Amino acid sequence: MNKKIRISDLGKKDYKETWDYQTDLLENIIQLKKERRNGNTEIITPNHFLFVEHPHVYTLGKSGDLENLLLNEKQLEEKGATFYKINRGGDITYHGPGQIVGYPILDLENFFTDIHKYLRLLEEAIILTIGEYGLKGVRSEGETGVWLDVGTPFARKICAMGIRASRWVTMHGFALNVNVNLGYFDNIIPCGIRGKAVTSMDVELGRKIDEEEVKSKILYHFKELFEVEELVLNV
């Protein structure tokens, strides 16, 4: 059992390139697990955590509805945005500058084999992180992610989540709005949920937020919640 995680900050990177990279990491872990089951019991599977910022892109989960994208191909091009239908859960979301995207590629057999628990701990890491800035993040029943003011007419989502797991290996993850141009969300029905707004930390706090500081807080809470032995920074 390996409870160390390799941390990589990819900086600003194309969505498709990052998706392919995630897939390569996931498939490598699955191959190692197969070799271990075939008798090579000394094999230890690695765990990864990727931070990235994407150029403007809309992604639609495998169960999502294309009608929740309110732009045609020409309008996407005019806005400098791309679109991908992908293999995570969830509906449609937006990624772009000022958003912290985190992709844990974990072998959950190194931690626990419970997808529900995995999602709840991801949410908790974000709830604890934004709590350090005075924002009270909460869950919304039946709607994965982190919200503010749930149960009021002012409910708004600050962090979207969507994952895929294969043979207990995870990919995709969360997108926390930190210093985001929220106008890009007007071009979709976020997560397929009508009538609920989206927000960003800078909008809530009335100032630009240090994204590197936020990343460090996310990693701190992630390490505590997942009982990680060591975070190893890839340079």
Protein backbone atom coordinates (compact mmCIF):
# COMPACT_ATOMS: atom_id res chain seq x y z
CA MET A 1 0.00 0.00 0.00
CA ASN A 2 1.47 3.32 -1.11
CA LYS A 3 0.06 6.46 0.51
CA LYS A 4 2.52 8.87 -1.07
CA ILE A 5 1.29 11.21 -3.80
CA ARG A 6 3.33 12.86 -6.55
CA ILE A 7 2.27 16.48 -7.07
CA SER A 8 2.65 18.10 -10.50
CA ASP A 9 1.68 21.67 -11.40
CA LEU A 10 1.25 21.68 -15.17
CA GLY A 11 0.66 25.43 -15.36
CA LYS A 12 -1.53 26.53 -18.28
CA LYS A 13 -2.16 23.52 -20.51
CA ASP A 14 -4.55 22.53 -23.27
CA TYR A 15 -7.50 20.45 -22.08
CA LYS A 16 -7.06 17.58 -24.55
CA GLU A 17 -3.32 17.30 -23.83
CA THR A 18 -4.05 17.12 -20.12
CA TRP A 19 -6.84 14.58 -20.63
CA ASP A 20 -4.46 12.38 -22.64
CA TYR A 21 -1.82 12.72 -19.92
CA GLN A 22 -4.30 11.73 -17.23
CA THR A 23 -5.33 8.73 -19.31
CA ASP A 24 -1.71 7.62 -19.71
CA LEU A 25 -1.15 7.82 -15.94
CA LEU A 26 -4.37 5.90 -15.22
CA GLU A 27 -3.58 3.17 -17.75
CA ASN A 28 -0.05 2.80 -16.38
CA ILE A 29 -1.43 2.26 -12.86
CA ILE A 30 -3.98 -0.27 -14.13
CA GLN A 31 -1.22 -2.16 -15.97
CA LEU A 32 0.86 -2.31 -12.78
CA LYS A 33 -2.15 -3.64 -10.88
CA LYS A 34 -2.59 -6.39 -13.48
CA GLU A 35 1.06 -7.36 -13.16
CA ARG A 36 0.71 -7.49 -9.39
CA ARG A 37 -2.33 -9.73 -9.62
CA ASN A 38 -0.36 -11.99 -11.97
CA GLY A 39 2.14 -12.70 -9.23
CA ASN A 40 4.57 -9.78 -9.04
CA THR A 41 3.56 -8.88 -5.50
CA GLU A 42 6.42 -6.40 -5.02
CA ILE A 43 4.84 -3.87 -7.39
CA ILE A 44 3.68 -0.65 -5.72
CA THR A 45 1.25 1.55 -7.63
CA PRO A 46 1.90 5.31 -7.73
CA ASN A 47 -0.58 8.09 -6.97
CA HIS A 48 -0.63 11.46 -8.73
CA PHE A 49 -2.23 14.87 -8.17
CA LEU A 50 -2.18 17.32 -11.06
CA PHE A 51 -2.87 21.05 -10.82
CA VAL A 52 -3.61 22.79 -14.11
CA GLU A 53 -5.20 25.90 -15.60
CA HIS A 54 -6.95 25.40 -18.92
CA PRO A 55 -7.60 27.88 -21.73
CA HIS A 56 -11.33 28.51 -22.23
CA VAL A 57 -13.02 25.13 -22.69
CA TYR A 58 -16.42 23.53 -22.14
CA THR A 59 -16.61 19.82 -21.28
CA LEU A 60 -19.65 17.56 -21.28
CA GLY A 61 -19.78 14.43 -19.12
CA LYS A 62 -20.85 11.05 -20.49
CA SER A 63 -24.40 11.41 -19.14
CA GLY A 64 -24.69 15.10 -20.04
CA ASP A 65 -27.11 16.78 -22.41
CA LEU A 66 -25.60 18.66 -25.36
CA GLU A 67 -28.52 21.12 -25.19
CA ASN A 68 -26.90 22.54 -22.03
CA LEU A 69 -24.24 24.08 -24.30
CA LEU A 70 -25.81 27.31 -25.55
CA LEU A 71 -23.21 28.05 -28.26
CA ASN A 72 -22.76 26.69 -31.75
CA GLU A 73 -19.37 25.91 -33.29
CA LYS A 74 -18.93 29.40 -34.76
CA GLN A 75 -19.81 31.09 -31.46
CA LEU A 76 -17.33 28.88 -29.62
CA GLU A 77 -14.63 30.00 -32.02
CA GLU A 78 -15.56 33.66 -31.57
CA LYS A 79 -15.17 33.30 -27.81
CA GLY A 80 -11.82 31.53 -28.18
CA ALA A 81 -13.22 28.41 -26.53
CA THR A 82 -13.15 24.71 -27.33
CA PHE A 83 -15.58 21.91 -26.52
CA TYR A 84 -15.07 18.23 -25.62
CA LYS A 85 -17.42 15.39 -24.77
CA ILE A 86 -15.53 13.38 -22.20
CA ASN A 87 -15.66 10.25 -20.05
CA ARG A 88 -16.26 11.67 -16.57
CA GLY A 89 -19.53 11.73 -14.68
CA GLY A 90 -21.65 14.86 -14.52
CA ASP A 91 -23.02 17.23 -17.13
CA ILE A 92 -21.46 20.34 -18.67
CA THR A 93 -18.97 22.70 -17.10
CA TYR A 94 -16.49 25.43 -18.01
CA HIS A 95 -12.75 25.61 -17.39
CA GLY A 96 -10.63 28.69 -17.93
CA PRO A 97 -8.13 31.22 -16.58
CA GLY A 98 -8.38 31.98 -12.89
CA GLN A 99 -9.74 28.54 -12.07
CA ILE A 100 -7.79 25.97 -10.07
CA VAL A 101 -8.35 22.54 -11.60
CA GLY A 102 -7.18 19.50 -9.66
CA TYR A 103 -6.93 15.99 -11.09
CA PRO A 104 -6.10 13.28 -8.54
CA ILE A 105 -5.07 10.07 -10.30
CA LEU A 106 -5.13 7.75 -7.30
CA ASP A 107 -5.16 4.01 -6.85
CA LEU A 108 -7.92 3.98 -4.26
CA GLU A 109 -6.78 0.51 -3.16
CA ASN A 110 -3.92 2.44 -1.53
CA PHE A 111 -6.47 4.40 0.52
CA PHE A 112 -10.04 3.01 0.58
CA THR A 113 -12.35 1.45 -1.99
CA ASP A 114 -15.37 3.73 -1.72
CA ILE A 115 -16.22 6.18 -4.53
CA HIS A 116 -18.87 7.94 -2.45
CA LYS A 117 -16.32 8.57 0.32
CA TYR A 118 -13.78 9.74 -2.26
CA LEU A 119 -16.15 12.40 -3.61
CA ARG A 120 -17.19 13.54 -0.15
CA LEU A 121 -13.52 13.95 0.90
CA LEU A 122 -12.77 15.93 -2.27
CA GLU A 123 -15.67 18.22 -1.39
CA GLU A 124 -14.46 18.49 2.20
CA ALA A 125 -10.96 19.55 1.08
CA ILE A 126 -12.51 22.44 -0.84
CA ILE A 127 -14.96 23.31 1.95
CA LEU A 128 -12.07 23.54 4.43
CA THR A 129 -9.94 25.53 2.00
CA ILE A 130 -12.49 28.23 1.23
CA GLY A 131 -13.42 28.26 4.91
CA GLU A 132 -9.97 29.70 5.60
CA TYR A 133 -11.10 32.72 3.58
CA GLY A 134 -14.34 33.12 5.52
CA LEU A 135 -16.55 31.41 2.92
CA LYS A 136 -19.01 28.81 4.20
CA GLY A 137 -19.03 26.06 1.60
CA VAL A 138 -21.68 23.35 1.84
CA ARG A 139 -22.96 20.34 -0.09
CA SER A 140 -26.23 20.33 -1.99
CA GLU A 141 -28.08 17.03 -1.78
CA GLY A 142 -27.91 15.14 -5.05
CA GLU A 143 -25.58 17.73 -6.64
CA THR A 144 -21.86 16.94 -6.39
CA GLY A 145 -19.58 19.89 -5.73
CA VAL A 146 -19.33 22.78 -3.28
CA TRP A 147 -21.97 25.49 -2.94
CA LEU A 148 -22.73 28.66 -1.01
CA ASP A 149 -26.10 29.52 0.54
CA VAL A 150 -27.83 26.25 -0.34
CA GLY A 151 -31.53 26.32 0.55
CA THR A 152 -31.88 30.02 -0.24
CA PRO A 153 -32.78 31.86 -3.47
CA PHE A 154 -29.09 32.85 -3.63
CA ALA A 155 -27.59 29.34 -3.88
CA ARG A 156 -24.50 29.39 -6.09
CA LYS A 157 -21.81 26.89 -7.00
CA ILE A 158 -18.16 27.69 -6.39
CA CYS A 159 -16.56 24.33 -7.18
CA ALA A 160 -17.61 21.74 -9.74
CA MET A 161 -16.61 18.07 -9.57
CA GLY A 162 -16.74 15.12 -11.91
CA ILE A 163 -14.68 11.95 -11.87
CA ARG A 164 -14.09 8.67 -13.61
CA ALA A 165 -12.82 5.52 -11.92
CA SER A 166 -11.57 2.31 -13.53
CA ARG A 167 -10.39 -0.65 -11.43
CA TRP A 168 -10.36 1.74 -8.45
CA VAL A 169 -8.09 4.23 -10.23
CA THR A 170 -9.47 7.77 -10.45
CA MET A 171 -9.13 10.57 -12.98
CA HIS A 172 -10.68 13.99 -13.63
CA GLY A 173 -11.53 15.84 -10.40
CA PHE A 174 -12.53 19.35 -9.31
CA ALA A 175 -12.56 22.93 -10.63
CA LEU A 176 -12.52 25.69 -8.02
CA ASN A 177 -13.42 29.18 -9.23
CA VAL A 178 -10.86 31.55 -7.75
CA ASN A 179 -10.40 34.55 -10.09
CA VAL A 180 -12.72 33.50 -12.91
CA ASN A 181 -14.54 35.53 -15.58
CA LEU A 182 -18.03 34.27 -14.73
CA GLY A 183 -19.41 35.54 -18.03
CA TYR A 184 -18.27 32.29 -19.68
CA PHE A 185 -20.77 30.37 -17.56
CA ASP A 186 -23.58 32.31 -19.26
CA ASN A 187 -22.96 30.16 -22.34
CA ILE A 188 -24.02 26.93 -20.64
CA ILE A 189 -26.50 25.56 -18.15
CA PRO A 190 -23.80 24.73 -15.59
CA CYS A 191 -23.86 21.05 -14.57
CA GLY A 192 -27.28 20.89 -16.26
CA ILE A 193 -28.87 22.62 -13.27
CA ARG A 194 -31.27 25.42 -14.17
CA GLY A 195 -31.92 28.37 -11.93
CA LYS A 196 -28.76 28.22 -9.83
CA ALA A 197 -25.88 30.63 -10.17
CA VAL A 198 -22.12 30.16 -10.26
CA THR A 199 -19.65 32.24 -8.28
CA SER A 200 -15.93 32.72 -7.72
CA MET A 201 -13.81 33.42 -4.65
CA ASP A 202 -12.75 36.86 -5.90
CA VAL A 203 -16.38 37.88 -6.46
CA GLU A 204 -17.39 36.73 -2.98
CA LEU A 205 -14.44 38.41 -1.26
CA GLY A 206 -14.20 41.53 -3.40
CA ARG A 207 -10.50 41.11 -4.16
CA LYS A 208 -8.11 39.10 -6.30
CA ILE A 209 -7.02 35.87 -4.60
CA ASP A 210 -3.50 34.42 -4.52
CA GLU A 211 -3.98 31.17 -6.47
CA GLU A 212 -0.69 29.61 -5.31
CA GLU A 213 -1.79 30.15 -1.72
CA VAL A 214 -5.11 28.45 -2.45
CA LYS A 215 -3.33 25.47 -4.01
CA SER A 216 -1.16 25.04 -0.94
CA LYS A 217 -4.23 25.07 1.30
CA ILE A 218 -6.00 22.50 -0.89
CA LEU A 219 -2.98 20.19 -0.67
CA TYR A 220 -2.78 20.60 3.10
CA HIS A 221 -6.40 19.59 3.61
CA PHE A 222 -6.23 16.86 0.97
CA LYS A 223 -3.22 15.34 2.75
CA GLU A 224 -4.97 15.40 6.12
CA LEU A 225 -8.28 14.00 4.88
CA PHE A 226 -6.76 11.20 2.81
CA GLU A 227 -4.13 10.43 5.47
CA VAL A 228 -1.38 10.83 2.88
CA GLU A 229 2.08 9.85 4.13
CA GLU A 230 4.01 12.25 1.91
CA LEU A 231 3.40 14.75 -0.90
CA VAL A 232 6.27 14.54 -3.37
CA LEU A 233 6.64 17.58 -5.62
CA ASN A 234 7.58 16.81 -9.23
CA VAL A 235 9.87 19.52 -10.61
